[in-house]
């Protein structure tokens, strides 16, 4: 994988991870909700106007364009496993920002992911 391909893949992964984190922040701001026929519009409007959710959707849109560019230069058998980096990033950021647990079993799984991504990247 050349430098440009790597940068595009990593940028796509980071934008996707940012989108997930922003969506989580947005749902935290909105709170728990359920859709029913009588609240679809109010809840939908609350979600559609929540700044973090809008930011997450924007990150997804840009990541899609970047990802298409990455796939045009990188074999999917290498690019797709790189998406696992997003899980690693999100686990640590969720721990830091949202107080989500990061137990030893999860850390071991993250280590396996990092090893797997490294092996795929070297192929």
PDB file of N, CA and C in Angstrom:
ATOM      1  N   UNK A   1       0.861  -1.172   0.000  1.00  0.00           N
ATOM      2  CA  UNK A   1       0.000   0.000   0.000  1.00  0.00           C
ATOM      3  C   UNK A   1       0.905   1.231   0.000  1.00  0.00           C
ATOM      4  N   UNK A   2       0.673   2.132  -0.948  1.00  0.00           N
ATOM      5  CA  UNK A   2       1.488   3.339  -0.990  1.00  0.00           C
ATOM      6  C   UNK A   2       0.967   4.375   0.017  1.00  0.00           C
ATOM      7  N   UNK A   3       1.690   5.467   0.140  1.00  0.00           N
ATOM      8  CA  UNK A   3       1.375   6.474   1.159  1.00  0.00           C
ATOM      9  C   UNK A   3      -0.005   7.093   0.957  1.00  0.00           C
ATOM     10  N   UNK A   4      -0.343   7.444  -0.280  1.00  0.00           N
ATOM     11  CA  UNK A   4      -1.648   8.056  -0.533  1.00  0.00           C
ATOM     12  C   UNK A   4      -2.777   7.088  -0.175  1.00  0.00           C
ATOM     13  N   UNK A   5      -2.639   5.840  -0.568  1.00  0.00           N
ATOM     14  CA  UNK A   5      -3.666   4.842  -0.235  1.00  0.00           C
ATOM     15  C   UNK A   5      -3.826   4.711   1.267  1.00  0.00           C
ATOM     16  N   UNK A   6      -2.699   4.652   1.976  1.00  0.00           N
ATOM     17  CA  UNK A   6      -2.747   4.532   3.437  1.00  0.00           C
ATOM     18  C   UNK A   6      -3.432   5.742   4.064  1.00  0.00           C
ATOM     19  N   UNK A   7      -3.091   6.927   3.589  1.00  0.00           N
ATOM     20  CA  UNK A   7      -3.693   8.158   4.129  1.00  0.00           C
ATOM     21  C   UNK A   7      -5.197   8.169   3.873  1.00  0.00           C
ATOM     22  N   UNK A   8      -5.619   7.757   2.683  1.00  0.00           N
ATOM     23  CA  UNK A   8      -7.060   7.720   2.384  1.00  0.00           C
ATOM     24  C   UNK A   8      -7.779   6.701   3.258  1.00  0.00           C
ATOM     25  N   UNK A   9      -7.207   5.520   3.402  1.00  0.00           N
ATOM     26  CA  UNK A   9      -7.836   4.498   4.250  1.00  0.00           C
ATOM     27  C   UNK A   9      -7.917   4.989   5.687  1.00  0.00           C
ATOM     28  N   UNK A  10      -6.823   5.512   6.208  1.00  0.00           N
ATOM     29  CA  UNK A  10      -6.809   5.987   7.596  1.00  0.00           C
ATOM     30  C   UNK A  10      -7.768   7.152   7.792  1.00  0.00           C
ATOM     31  N   UNK A  11      -7.833   8.067   6.839  1.00  0.00           N
ATOM     32  CA  UNK A  11      -8.770   9.193   6.933  1.00  0.00           C
ATOM     33  C   UNK A  11     -10.211   8.696   6.936  1.00  0.00           C
ATOM     34  N   UNK A  12     -10.507   7.740   6.073  1.00  0.00           N
ATOM     35  CA  UNK A  12     -11.853   7.162   6.052  1.00  0.00           C
ATOM     36  C   UNK A  12     -12.200   6.505   7.370  1.00  0.00           C
ATOM     37  N   UNK A  13     -11.263   5.772   7.926  1.00  0.00           N
ATOM     38  CA  UNK A  13     -11.481   5.097   9.213  1.00  0.00           C
ATOM     39  C   UNK A  13     -11.695   6.124  10.320  1.00  0.00           C
ATOM     40  N   UNK A  14     -10.862   7.166  10.345  1.00  0.00           N
ATOM     41  CA  UNK A  14     -10.987   8.186  11.395  1.00  0.00           C
ATOM     42  C   UNK A  14     -12.297   8.954  11.275  1.00  0.00           C
ATOM     43  N   UNK A  15     -12.712   9.266  10.057  1.00  0.00           N
ATOM     44  CA  UNK A  15     -13.994   9.955   9.871  1.00  0.00           C
ATOM     45  C   UNK A  15     -15.153   9.068  10.301  1.00  0.00           C
ATOM     46  N   UNK A  16     -15.065   7.780   9.999  1.00  0.00           N
ATOM     47  CA  UNK A  16     -16.113   6.842  10.407  1.00  0.00           C
ATOM     48  C   UNK A  16     -16.165   6.734  11.931  1.00  0.00           C
ATOM     49  N   UNK A  17     -14.999   6.666  12.564  1.00  0.00           N
ATOM     50  CA  UNK A  17     -14.951   6.607  14.028  1.00  0.00           C
ATOM     51  C   UNK A  17     -15.512   7.887  14.638  1.00  0.00           C
ATOM     52  N   UNK A  18     -15.145   9.019  14.060  1.00  0.00           N
ATOM     53  CA  UNK A  18     -15.669  10.301  14.554  1.00  0.00           C
ATOM     54  C   UNK A  18     -17.181  10.352  14.414  1.00  0.00           C
ATOM     55  N   UNK A  19     -17.699   9.827  13.308  1.00  0.00           N
ATOM     56  CA  UNK A  19     -19.150   9.808  13.102  1.00  0.00           C
ATOM     57  C   UNK A  19     -19.832   9.007  14.209  1.00  0.00           C
ATOM     58  N   UNK A  20     -19.292   7.840  14.534  1.00  0.00           N
ATOM     59  CA  UNK A  20     -19.880   7.008  15.589  1.00  0.00           C
ATOM     60  C   UNK A  20     -19.871   7.739  16.936  1.00  0.00           C
ATOM     61  N   UNK A  21     -18.752   8.370  17.240  1.00  0.00           N
ATOM     62  CA  UNK A  21     -18.640   9.071  18.518  1.00  0.00           C
ATOM     63  C   UNK A  21     -19.580  10.272  18.586  1.00  0.00           C
ATOM     64  N   UNK A  22     -19.700  10.987  17.493  1.00  0.00           N
ATOM     65  CA  UNK A  22     -20.627  12.124  17.459  1.00  0.00           C
ATOM     66  C   UNK A  22     -22.080  11.662  17.579  1.00  0.00           C
ATOM     67  N   UNK A  23     -22.420  10.564  16.914  1.00  0.00           N
ATOM     68  CA  UNK A  23     -23.786  10.042  17.041  1.00  0.00           C
ATOM     69  C   UNK A  23     -24.080   9.622  18.479  1.00  0.00           C
ATOM     70  N   UNK A  24     -23.090   9.007  19.128  1.00  0.00           N
ATOM     71  CA  UNK A  24     -23.272   8.614  20.527  1.00  0.00           C
ATOM     72  C   UNK A  24     -23.456   9.845  21.409  1.00  0.00           C
ATOM     73  N   UNK A  25     -22.647  10.870  21.188  1.00  0.00           N
ATOM     74  CA  UNK A  25     -22.793  12.110  21.963  1.00  0.00           C
ATOM     75  C   UNK A  25     -24.166  12.726  21.723  1.00  0.00           C
ATOM     76  N   UNK A  26     -24.627  12.662  20.485  1.00  0.00           N
ATOM     77  CA  UNK A  26     -25.948  13.200  20.168  1.00  0.00           C
ATOM     78  C   UNK A  26     -27.066  12.434  20.842  1.00  0.00           C
ATOM     79  N   UNK A  27     -26.979  11.122  20.837  1.00  0.00           N
ATOM     80  CA  UNK A  27     -28.026  10.343  21.508  1.00  0.00           C
ATOM     81  C   UNK A  27     -27.962  10.522  23.016  1.00  0.00           C
ATOM     82  N   UNK A  28     -26.760  10.730  23.546  1.00  0.00           N
ATOM     83  CA  UNK A  28     -26.659  11.030  24.979  1.00  0.00           C
ATOM     84  C   UNK A  28     -27.352  12.355  25.291  1.00  0.00           C
ATOM     85  N   UNK A  29     -27.203  13.328  24.402  1.00  0.00           N
ATOM     86  CA  UNK A  29     -27.836  14.635  24.614  1.00  0.00           C
ATOM     87  C   UNK A  29     -29.352  14.546  24.497  1.00  0.00           C
ATOM     88  N   UNK A  30     -29.831  13.739  23.564  1.00  0.00           N
ATOM     89  CA  UNK A  30     -31.280  13.593  23.366  1.00  0.00           C
ATOM     90  C   UNK A  30     -31.885  12.742  24.463  1.00  0.00           C
ATOM     91  N   UNK A  31     -31.176  11.714  24.887  1.00  0.00           N
ATOM     92  CA  UNK A  31     -31.689  10.807  25.904  1.00  0.00           C
ATOM     93  C   UNK A  31     -32.371   9.601  25.280  1.00  0.00           C
ATOM     94  N   UNK A  32     -32.768   8.678  26.124  1.00  0.00           N
ATOM     95  CA  UNK A  32     -33.425   7.454  25.659  1.00  0.00           C
ATOM     96  C   UNK A  32     -34.781   7.798  25.055  1.00  0.00           C
ATOM     97  N   UNK A  33     -35.088   7.176  23.949  1.00  0.00           N
ATOM     98  CA  UNK A  33     -36.366   7.451  23.300  1.00  0.00           C
ATOM     99  C   UNK A  33     -36.844   6.194  22.582  1.00  0.00           C
ATOM    100  N   UNK A  34     -38.117   6.177  22.309  1.00  0.00           N
ATOM    101  CA  UNK A  34     -38.726   5.133  21.494  1.00  0.00           C
ATOM    102  C   UNK A  34     -39.622   5.826  20.486  1.00  0.00           C
ATOM    103  N   UNK A  35     -39.645   5.269  19.292  1.00  0.00           N
ATOM    104  CA  UNK A  35     -40.530   5.810  18.275  1.00  0.00           C
ATOM    105  C   UNK A  35     -41.903   5.169  18.391  1.00  0.00           C
ATOM    106  N   UNK A  36     -42.913   5.988  18.439  1.00  0.00           N
ATOM    107  CA  UNK A  36     -44.314   5.580  18.371  1.00  0.00           C
ATOM    108  C   UNK A  36     -44.974   6.492  17.345  1.00  0.00           C
ATOM    109  N   UNK A  37     -46.096   6.102  16.872  1.00  0.00           N
ATOM    110  CA  UNK A  37     -46.778   6.909  15.861  1.00  0.00           C
ATOM    111  C   UNK A  37     -47.034   8.333  16.346  1.00  0.00           C
ATOM    112  N   UNK A  38     -47.274   8.501  17.646  1.00  0.00           N
ATOM    113  CA  UNK A  38     -47.591   9.832  18.151  1.00  0.00           C
ATOM    114  C   UNK A  38     -46.353  10.694  18.437  1.00  0.00           C
ATOM    115  N   UNK A  39     -45.138  10.101  18.398  1.00  0.00           N
ATOM    116  CA  UNK A  39     -43.954  10.913  18.676  1.00  0.00           C
ATOM    117  C   UNK A  39     -42.893  10.857  17.578  1.00  0.00           C
ATOM    118  N   UNK A  40     -43.207  10.283  16.436  1.00  0.00           N
ATOM    119  CA  UNK A  40     -42.223  10.174  15.362  1.00  0.00           C
ATOM    120  C   UNK A  40     -41.713  11.553  14.950  1.00  0.00           C
ATOM    121  N   UNK A  41     -42.601  12.489  14.749  1.00  0.00           N
ATOM    122  CA  UNK A  41     -42.175  13.820  14.320  1.00  0.00           C
ATOM    123  C   UNK A  41     -41.393  14.573  15.394  1.00  0.00           C
ATOM    124  N   UNK A  42     -41.865  14.634  16.645  1.00  0.00           N
ATOM    125  CA  UNK A  42     -41.085  15.371  17.644  1.00  0.00           C
ATOM    126  C   UNK A  42     -39.711  14.744  17.914  1.00  0.00           C
ATOM    127  N   UNK A  43     -39.668  13.422  18.032  1.00  0.00           N
ATOM    128  CA  UNK A  43     -38.382  12.758  18.277  1.00  0.00           C
ATOM    129  C   UNK A  43     -37.495  12.876  17.041  1.00  0.00           C
ATOM    130  N   UNK A  44     -38.075  12.671  15.873  1.00  0.00           N
ATOM    131  CA  UNK A  44     -37.319  12.811  14.633  1.00  0.00           C
ATOM    132  C   UNK A  44     -36.738  14.201  14.486  1.00  0.00           C
ATOM    133  N   UNK A  45     -37.526  15.223  14.824  1.00  0.00           N
ATOM    134  CA  UNK A  45     -37.049  16.607  14.731  1.00  0.00           C
ATOM    135  C   UNK A  45     -35.932  16.860  15.741  1.00  0.00           C
ATOM    136  N   UNK A  46     -36.097  16.328  16.941  1.00  0.00           N
ATOM    137  CA  UNK A  46     -35.069  16.496  17.975  1.00  0.00           C
ATOM    138  C   UNK A  46     -33.750  15.873  17.520  1.00  0.00           C
ATOM    139  N   UNK A  47     -33.832  14.684  16.916  1.00  0.00           N
ATOM    140  CA  UNK A  47     -32.627  14.020  16.411  1.00  0.00           C
ATOM    141  C   UNK A  47     -32.036  14.771  15.218  1.00  0.00           C
ATOM    142  N   UNK A  48     -32.902  15.224  14.320  1.00  0.00           N
ATOM    143  CA  UNK A  48     -32.451  15.881  13.091  1.00  0.00           C
ATOM    144  C   UNK A  48     -31.825  17.246  13.349  1.00  0.00           C
ATOM    145  N   UNK A  49     -32.114  17.827  14.493  1.00  0.00           N
ATOM    146  CA  UNK A  49     -31.569  19.157  14.785  1.00  0.00           C
ATOM    147  C   UNK A  49     -30.497  19.124  15.873  1.00  0.00           C
ATOM    148  N   UNK A  50     -30.139  17.941  16.325  1.00  0.00           N
ATOM    149  CA  UNK A  50     -29.113  17.811  17.359  1.00  0.00           C
ATOM    150  C   UNK A  50     -27.741  18.008  16.697  1.00  0.00           C
ATOM    151  N   UNK A  51     -26.939  18.982  17.141  1.00  0.00           N
ATOM    152  CA  UNK A  51     -25.670  19.302  16.470  1.00  0.00           C
ATOM    153  C   UNK A  51     -24.692  18.129  16.361  1.00  0.00           C
ATOM    154  N   UNK A  52     -24.570  17.321  17.415  1.00  0.00           N
ATOM    155  CA  UNK A  52     -23.656  16.178  17.340  1.00  0.00           C
ATOM    156  C   UNK A  52     -24.111  15.163  16.291  1.00  0.00           C
ATOM    157  N   UNK A  53     -25.388  14.942  16.201  1.00  0.00           N
ATOM    158  CA  UNK A  53     -25.902  14.000  15.207  1.00  0.00           C
ATOM    159  C   UNK A  53     -25.677  14.552  13.805  1.00  0.00           C
ATOM    160  N   UNK A  54     -25.905  15.841  13.616  1.00  0.00           N
ATOM    161  CA  UNK A  54     -25.631  16.459  12.314  1.00  0.00           C
ATOM    162  C   UNK A  54     -24.147  16.342  11.968  1.00  0.00           C
ATOM    163  N   UNK A  55     -23.286  16.547  12.944  1.00  0.00           N
ATOM    164  CA  UNK A  55     -21.847  16.395  12.722  1.00  0.00           C
ATOM    165  C   UNK A  55     -21.476  14.968  12.368  1.00  0.00           C
ATOM    166  N   UNK A  56     -22.106  14.011  13.052  1.00  0.00           N
ATOM    167  CA  UNK A  56     -21.855  12.603  12.748  1.00  0.00           C
ATOM    168  C   UNK A  56     -22.288  12.240  11.336  1.00  0.00           C
ATOM    169  N   UNK A  57     -23.436  12.757  10.925  1.00  0.00           N
ATOM    170  CA  UNK A  57     -23.910  12.486   9.569  1.00  0.00           C
ATOM    171  C   UNK A  57     -22.971  13.123   8.536  1.00  0.00           C
ATOM    172  N   UNK A  58     -22.456  14.301   8.832  1.00  0.00           N
ATOM    173  CA  UNK A  58     -21.510  14.954   7.923  1.00  0.00           C
ATOM    174  C   UNK A  58     -20.222  14.134   7.815  1.00  0.00           C
ATOM    175  N   UNK A  59     -19.750  13.633   8.956  1.00  0.00           N
ATOM    176  CA  UNK A  59     -18.544  12.786   8.931  1.00  0.00           C
ATOM    177  C   UNK A  59     -18.779  11.529   8.103  1.00  0.00           C
ATOM    178  N   UNK A  60     -19.960  10.930   8.234  1.00  0.00           N
ATOM    179  CA  UNK A  60     -20.282   9.759   7.418  1.00  0.00           C
ATOM    180  C   UNK A  60     -20.265  10.102   5.932  1.00  0.00           C
ATOM    181  N   UNK A  61     -20.845  11.232   5.573  1.00  0.00           N
ATOM    182  CA  UNK A  61     -20.903  11.619   4.156  1.00  0.00           C
ATOM    183  C   UNK A  61     -19.498  11.815   3.590  1.00  0.00           C
ATOM    184  N   UNK A  62     -18.649  12.523   4.329  1.00  0.00           N
ATOM    185  CA  UNK A  62     -17.283  12.746   3.854  1.00  0.00           C
ATOM    186  C   UNK A  62     -16.507  11.436   3.852  1.00  0.00           C
ATOM    187  N   UNK A  63     -16.717  10.606   4.872  1.00  0.00           N
ATOM    188  CA  UNK A  63     -15.991   9.327   4.925  1.00  0.00           C
ATOM    189  C   UNK A  63     -16.363   8.429   3.758  1.00  0.00           C
ATOM    190  N   UNK A  64     -17.594   8.515   3.296  1.00  0.00           N
ATOM    191  CA  UNK A  64     -18.015   7.717   2.144  1.00  0.00           C
ATOM    192  C   UNK A  64     -17.216   8.109   0.906  1.00  0.00           C
ATOM    193  N   UNK A  65     -17.075   9.400   0.675  1.00  0.00           N
ATOM    194  CA  UNK A  65     -16.313   9.878  -0.485  1.00  0.00           C
ATOM    195  C   UNK A  65     -14.846   9.458  -0.358  1.00  0.00           C
ATOM    196  N   UNK A  66     -14.272   9.652   0.814  1.00  0.00           N
ATOM    197  CA  UNK A  66     -12.876   9.282   1.043  1.00  0.00           C
ATOM    198  C   UNK A  66     -12.701   7.773   0.886  1.00  0.00           C
ATOM    199  N   UNK A  67     -13.648   7.003   1.394  1.00  0.00           N
ATOM    200  CA  UNK A  67     -13.556   5.543   1.323  1.00  0.00           C
ATOM    201  C   UNK A  67     -13.614   5.062  -0.132  1.00  0.00           C
ATOM    202  N   UNK A  68     -14.465   5.672  -0.925  1.00  0.00           N
ATOM    203  CA  UNK A  68     -14.531   5.308  -2.347  1.00  0.00           C
ATOM    204  C   UNK A  68     -13.190   5.605  -3.021  1.00  0.00           C
ATOM    205  N   UNK A  69     -12.597   6.741  -2.686  1.00  0.00           N
ATOM    206  CA  UNK A  69     -11.283   7.063  -3.231  1.00  0.00           C
ATOM    207  C   UNK A  69     -10.244   6.037  -2.778  1.00  0.00           C
ATOM    208  N   UNK A  70     -10.316   5.633  -1.509  1.00  0.00           N
ATOM    209  CA  UNK A  70      -9.372   4.639  -0.990  1.00  0.00           C
ATOM    210  C   UNK A  70      -9.544   3.300  -1.702  1.00  0.00           C
ATOM    211  N   UNK A  71     -10.785   2.885  -1.901  1.00  0.00           N
ATOM    212  CA  UNK A  71     -11.033   1.595  -2.552  1.00  0.00           C
ATOM    213  C   UNK A  71     -10.605   1.596  -4.015  1.00  0.00           C
ATOM    214  N   UNK A  72     -10.562   2.767  -4.628  1.00  0.00           N
ATOM    215  CA  UNK A  72     -10.116   2.821  -6.019  1.00  0.00           C
ATOM    216  C   UNK A  72      -8.610   2.603  -6.126  1.00  0.00           C
ATOM    217  N   UNK A  73      -7.898   2.674  -4.989  1.00  0.00           N
ATOM    218  CA  UNK A  73      -6.444   2.545  -4.990  1.00  0.00           C
ATOM    219  C   UNK A  73      -5.934   1.354  -4.191  1.00  0.00           C
ATOM    220  N   UNK A  74      -6.810   0.732  -3.405  1.00  0.00           N
ATOM    221  CA  UNK A  74      -6.387  -0.296  -2.457  1.00  0.00           C
ATOM    222  C   UNK A  74      -7.255  -1.540  -2.614  1.00  0.00           C
ATOM    223  N   UNK A  75      -6.657  -2.726  -2.588  1.00  0.00           N
ATOM    224  CA  UNK A  75      -7.484  -3.941  -2.619  1.00  0.00           C
ATOM    225  C   UNK A  75      -8.421  -3.981  -1.407  1.00  0.00           C
ATOM    226  N   UNK A  76      -9.637  -4.394  -1.639  1.00  0.00           N
ATOM    227  CA  UNK A  76     -10.619  -4.438  -0.547  1.00  0.00           C
ATOM    228  C   UNK A  76     -10.183  -5.426   0.542  1.00  0.00           C
ATOM    229  N   UNK A  77      -9.415  -6.437   0.172  1.00  0.00           N
ATOM    230  CA  UNK A  77      -8.939  -7.414   1.164  1.00  0.00           C
ATOM    231  C   UNK A  77      -7.940  -6.791   2.135  1.00  0.00           C
ATOM    232  N   UNK A  78      -7.401  -5.647   1.787  1.00  0.00           N
ATOM    233  CA  UNK A  78      -6.523  -4.913   2.707  1.00  0.00           C
ATOM    234  C   UNK A  78      -7.276  -3.752   3.351  1.00  0.00           C
ATOM    235  N   UNK A  79      -8.043  -3.014   2.550  1.00  0.00           N
ATOM    236  CA  UNK A  79      -8.736  -1.826   3.071  1.00  0.00           C
ATOM    237  C   UNK A  79      -9.785  -2.185   4.116  1.00  0.00           C
ATOM    238  N   UNK A  80     -10.602  -3.180   3.838  1.00  0.00           N
ATOM    239  CA  UNK A  80     -11.716  -3.486   4.735  1.00  0.00           C
ATOM    240  C   UNK A  80     -11.259  -3.866   6.145  1.00  0.00           C
ATOM    241  N   UNK A  81     -10.255  -4.728   6.295  1.00  0.00           N
ATOM    242  CA  UNK A  81      -9.818  -5.022   7.672  1.00  0.00           C
ATOM    243  C   UNK A  81      -9.311  -3.798   8.431  1.00  0.00           C
ATOM    244  N   UNK A  82      -8.861  -2.781   7.708  1.00  0.00           N
ATOM    245  CA  UNK A  82      -8.381  -1.573   8.366  1.00  0.00           C
ATOM    246  C   UNK A  82      -9.507  -0.850   9.110  1.00  0.00           C
ATOM    247  N   UNK A  83     -10.746  -1.111   8.733  1.00  0.00           N
ATOM    248  CA  UNK A  83     -11.871  -0.508   9.454  1.00  0.00           C
ATOM    249  C   UNK A  83     -11.867  -0.897  10.929  1.00  0.00           C
ATOM    250  N   UNK A  84     -11.206  -2.011  11.253  1.00  0.00           N
ATOM    251  CA  UNK A  84     -11.124  -2.449  12.651  1.00  0.00           C
ATOM    252  C   UNK A  84     -10.399  -1.441  13.526  1.00  0.00           C
ATOM    253  N   UNK A  85      -9.553  -0.625  12.914  1.00  0.00           N
ATOM    254  CA  UNK A  85      -8.865   0.419  13.678  1.00  0.00           C
ATOM    255  C   UNK A  85      -9.893   1.345  14.325  1.00  0.00           C
ATOM    256  N   UNK A  86     -11.016   1.543  13.649  1.00  0.00           N
ATOM    257  CA  UNK A  86     -12.075   2.380  14.196  1.00  0.00           C
ATOM    258  C   UNK A  86     -12.599   1.854  15.526  1.00  0.00           C
ATOM    259  N   UNK A  87     -12.692   0.536  15.652  1.00  0.00           N
ATOM    260  CA  UNK A  87     -13.141  -0.043  16.921  1.00  0.00           C
ATOM    261  C   UNK A  87     -12.153   0.289  18.034  1.00  0.00           C
ATOM    262  N   UNK A  88     -10.876   0.181  17.728  1.00  0.00           N
ATOM    263  CA  UNK A  88      -9.848   0.464  18.723  1.00  0.00           C
ATOM    264  C   UNK A  88      -9.950   1.917  19.178  1.00  0.00           C
ATOM    265  N   UNK A  89     -10.036   2.820  18.219  1.00  0.00           N
ATOM    266  CA  UNK A  89     -10.142   4.249  18.533  1.00  0.00           C
ATOM    267  C   UNK A  89     -11.400   4.517  19.354  1.00  0.00           C
ATOM    268  N   UNK A  90     -12.524   3.974  18.895  1.00  0.00           N
ATOM    269  CA  UNK A  90     -13.794   4.234  19.589  1.00  0.00           C
ATOM    270  C   UNK A  90     -13.802   3.674  20.995  1.00  0.00           C
ATOM    271  N   UNK A  91     -13.180   2.531  21.213  1.00  0.00           N
ATOM    272  CA  UNK A  91     -13.158   1.953  22.558  1.00  0.00           C
ATOM    273  C   UNK A  91     -12.439   2.878  23.539  1.00  0.00           C
ATOM    274  N   UNK A  92     -11.292   3.410  23.117  1.00  0.00           N
ATOM    275  CA  UNK A  92     -10.527   4.290  24.010  1.00  0.00           C
ATOM    276  C   UNK A  92     -11.194   5.651  24.190  1.00  0.00           C
ATOM    277  N   UNK A  93     -11.739   6.199  23.120  1.00  0.00           N
ATOM    278  CA  UNK A  93     -12.401   7.500  23.230  1.00  0.00           C
ATOM    279  C   UNK A  93     -13.690   7.367  24.051  1.00  0.00           C
ATOM    280  N   UNK A  94     -14.437   6.285  23.840  1.00  0.00           N
ATOM    281  CA  UNK A  94     -15.660   6.072  24.623  1.00  0.00           C
ATOM    282  C   UNK A  94     -15.336   5.925  26.108  1.00  0.00           C
ATOM    283  N   UNK A  95     -14.234   5.295  26.414  1.00  0.00           N
ATOM    284  CA  UNK A  95     -13.780   5.183  27.800  1.00  0.00           C
ATOM    285  C   UNK A  95     -13.487   6.571  28.371  1.00  0.00           C
ATOM    286  N   UNK A  96     -12.786   7.378  27.574  1.00  0.00           N
ATOM    287  CA  UNK A  96     -12.378   8.705  28.027  1.00  0.00           C
ATOM    288  C   UNK A  96     -13.541   9.688  28.094  1.00  0.00           C
ATOM    289  N   UNK A  97     -14.343   9.755  27.054  1.00  0.00           N
ATOM    290  CA  UNK A  97     -15.404  10.762  26.966  1.00  0.00           C
ATOM    291  C   UNK A  97     -16.700  10.361  27.653  1.00  0.00           C
ATOM    292  N   UNK A  98     -17.069   9.079  27.512  1.00  0.00           N
ATOM    293  CA  UNK A  98     -18.381   8.648  27.983  1.00  0.00           C
ATOM    294  C   UNK A  98     -18.316   7.760  29.220  1.00  0.00           C
ATOM    295  N   UNK A  99     -17.112   7.463  29.698  1.00  0.00           N
ATOM    296  CA  UNK A  99     -16.970   6.630  30.888  1.00  0.00           C
ATOM    297  C   UNK A  99     -17.345   5.180  30.664  1.00  0.00           C
ATOM    298  N   UNK A 100     -17.286   4.717  29.417  1.00  0.00           N
ATOM    299  CA  UNK A 100     -17.618   3.318  29.137  1.00  0.00           C
ATOM    300  C   UNK A 100     -16.487   2.421  29.643  1.00  0.00           C
ATOM    301  N   UNK A 101     -16.823   1.239  30.158  1.00  0.00           N
ATOM    302  CA  UNK A 101     -15.793   0.367  30.740  1.00  0.00           C
ATOM    303  C   UNK A 101     -14.804  -0.152  29.692  1.00  0.00           C
ATOM    304  N   UNK A 102     -13.579  -0.341  30.136  1.00  0.00           N
ATOM    305  CA  UNK A 102     -12.517  -0.869  29.286  1.00  0.00           C
ATOM    306  C   UNK A 102     -11.786  -1.936  30.093  1.00  0.00           C
ATOM    307  N   UNK A 103     -12.440  -3.078  30.264  1.00  0.00           N
ATOM    308  CA  UNK A 103     -11.922  -4.161  31.093  1.00  0.00           C
ATOM    309  C   UNK A 103     -10.778  -4.881  30.392  1.00  0.00           C
ATOM    310  N   UNK A 104     -10.079  -5.720  31.128  1.00  0.00           N
ATOM    311  CA  UNK A 104      -8.908  -6.423  30.595  1.00  0.00           C
ATOM    312  C   UNK A 104      -9.278  -7.328  29.414  1.00  0.00           C
ATOM    313  N   UNK A 105     -10.437  -7.948  29.446  1.00  0.00           N
ATOM    314  CA  UNK A 105     -10.857  -8.806  28.337  1.00  0.00           C
ATOM    315  C   UNK A 105     -11.030  -7.973  27.060  1.00  0.00           C
ATOM    316  N   UNK A 106     -11.581  -6.789  27.179  1.00  0.00           N
ATOM    317  CA  UNK A 106     -11.742  -5.906  26.027  1.00  0.00           C
ATOM    318  C   UNK A 106     -10.378  -5.442  25.524  1.00  0.00           C
ATOM    319  N   UNK A 107      -9.475  -5.141  26.441  1.00  0.00           N
ATOM    320  CA  UNK A 107      -8.132  -4.722  26.042  1.00  0.00           C
ATOM    321  C   UNK A 107      -7.396  -5.845  25.309  1.00  0.00           C
ATOM    322  N   UNK A 108      -7.589  -7.067  25.742  1.00  0.00           N
ATOM    323  CA  UNK A 108      -6.989  -8.211  25.050  1.00  0.00           C
ATOM    324  C   UNK A 108      -7.553  -8.339  23.638  1.00  0.00           C
ATOM    325  N   UNK A 109      -8.852  -8.175  23.495  1.00  0.00           N
ATOM    326  CA  UNK A 109      -9.466  -8.205  22.174  1.00  0.00           C
ATOM    327  C   UNK A 109      -8.932  -7.106  21.279  1.00  0.00           C
ATOM    328  N   UNK A 110      -8.730  -5.918  21.852  1.00  0.00           N
ATOM    329  CA  UNK A 110      -8.170  -4.796  21.097  1.00  0.00           C
ATOM    330  C   UNK A 110      -6.750  -5.121  20.645  1.00  0.00           C
ATOM    331  N   UNK A 111      -5.981  -5.771  21.515  1.00  0.00           N
ATOM    332  CA  UNK A 111      -4.614  -6.159  21.139  1.00  0.00           C
ATOM    333  C   UNK A 111      -4.639  -7.124  19.949  1.00  0.00           C
ATOM    334  N   UNK A 112      -5.578  -8.057  19.948  1.00  0.00           N
ATOM    335  CA  UNK A 112      -5.711  -8.987  18.813  1.00  0.00           C
ATOM    336  C   UNK A 112      -6.086  -8.237  17.533  1.00  0.00           C
ATOM    337  N   UNK A 113      -6.951  -7.257  17.660  1.00  0.00           N
ATOM    338  CA  UNK A 113      -7.341  -6.459  16.492  1.00  0.00           C
ATOM    339  C   UNK A 113      -6.125  -5.721  15.929  1.00  0.00           C
ATOM    340  N   UNK A 114      -5.365  -5.088  16.812  1.00  0.00           N
ATOM    341  CA  UNK A 114      -4.182  -4.347  16.375  1.00  0.00           C
ATOM    342  C   UNK A 114      -3.193  -5.294  15.688  1.00  0.00           C
ATOM    343  N   UNK A 115      -2.982  -6.453  16.268  1.00  0.00           N
ATOM    344  CA  UNK A 115      -2.091  -7.437  15.657  1.00  0.00           C
ATOM    345  C   UNK A 115      -2.603  -7.866  14.296  1.00  0.00           C
ATOM    346  N   UNK A 116      -3.880  -8.128  14.205  1.00  0.00           N
ATOM    347  CA  UNK A 116      -4.478  -8.542  12.932  1.00  0.00           C
ATOM    348  C   UNK A 116      -4.365  -7.475  11.864  1.00  0.00           C
ATOM    349  N   UNK A 117      -4.627  -6.233  12.213  1.00  0.00           N
ATOM    350  CA  UNK A 117      -4.508  -5.131  11.258  1.00  0.00           C
ATOM    351  C   UNK A 117      -3.057  -4.989  10.815  1.00  0.00           C
ATOM    352  N   UNK A 118      -2.138  -5.097  11.737  1.00  0.00           N
ATOM    353  CA  UNK A 118      -0.717  -5.008  11.394  1.00  0.00           C
ATOM    354  C   UNK A 118      -0.319  -6.109  10.416  1.00  0.00           C
ATOM    355  N   UNK A 119      -0.788  -7.339  10.673  1.00  0.00           N
ATOM    356  CA  UNK A 119      -0.473  -8.453   9.772  1.00  0.00           C
ATOM    357  C   UNK A 119      -1.060  -8.237   8.379  1.00  0.00           C
ATOM    358  N   UNK A 120      -2.289  -7.775   8.327  1.00  0.00           N
ATOM    359  CA  UNK A 120      -2.934  -7.523   7.022  1.00  0.00           C
ATOM    360  C   UNK A 120      -2.202  -6.409   6.290  1.00  0.00           C
ATOM    361  N   UNK A 121      -1.833  -5.350   7.000  1.00  0.00           N
ATOM    362  CA  UNK A 121      -1.154  -4.219   6.365  1.00  0.00           C
ATOM    363  C   UNK A 121       0.207  -4.625   5.796  1.00  0.00           C
ATOM    364  N   UNK A 122       0.846  -5.587   6.408  1.00  0.00           N
ATOM    365  CA  UNK A 122       2.165  -6.033   5.935  1.00  0.00           C
ATOM    366  C   UNK A 122       2.067  -6.979   4.741  1.00  0.00           C
ATOM    367  N   UNK A 123       0.879  -7.494   4.466  1.00  0.00           N
ATOM    368  CA  UNK A 123       0.753  -8.478   3.371  1.00  0.00           C
ATOM    369  C   UNK A 123       0.810  -7.843   2.010  1.00  0.00           C
TER     370      UNK A 123
END
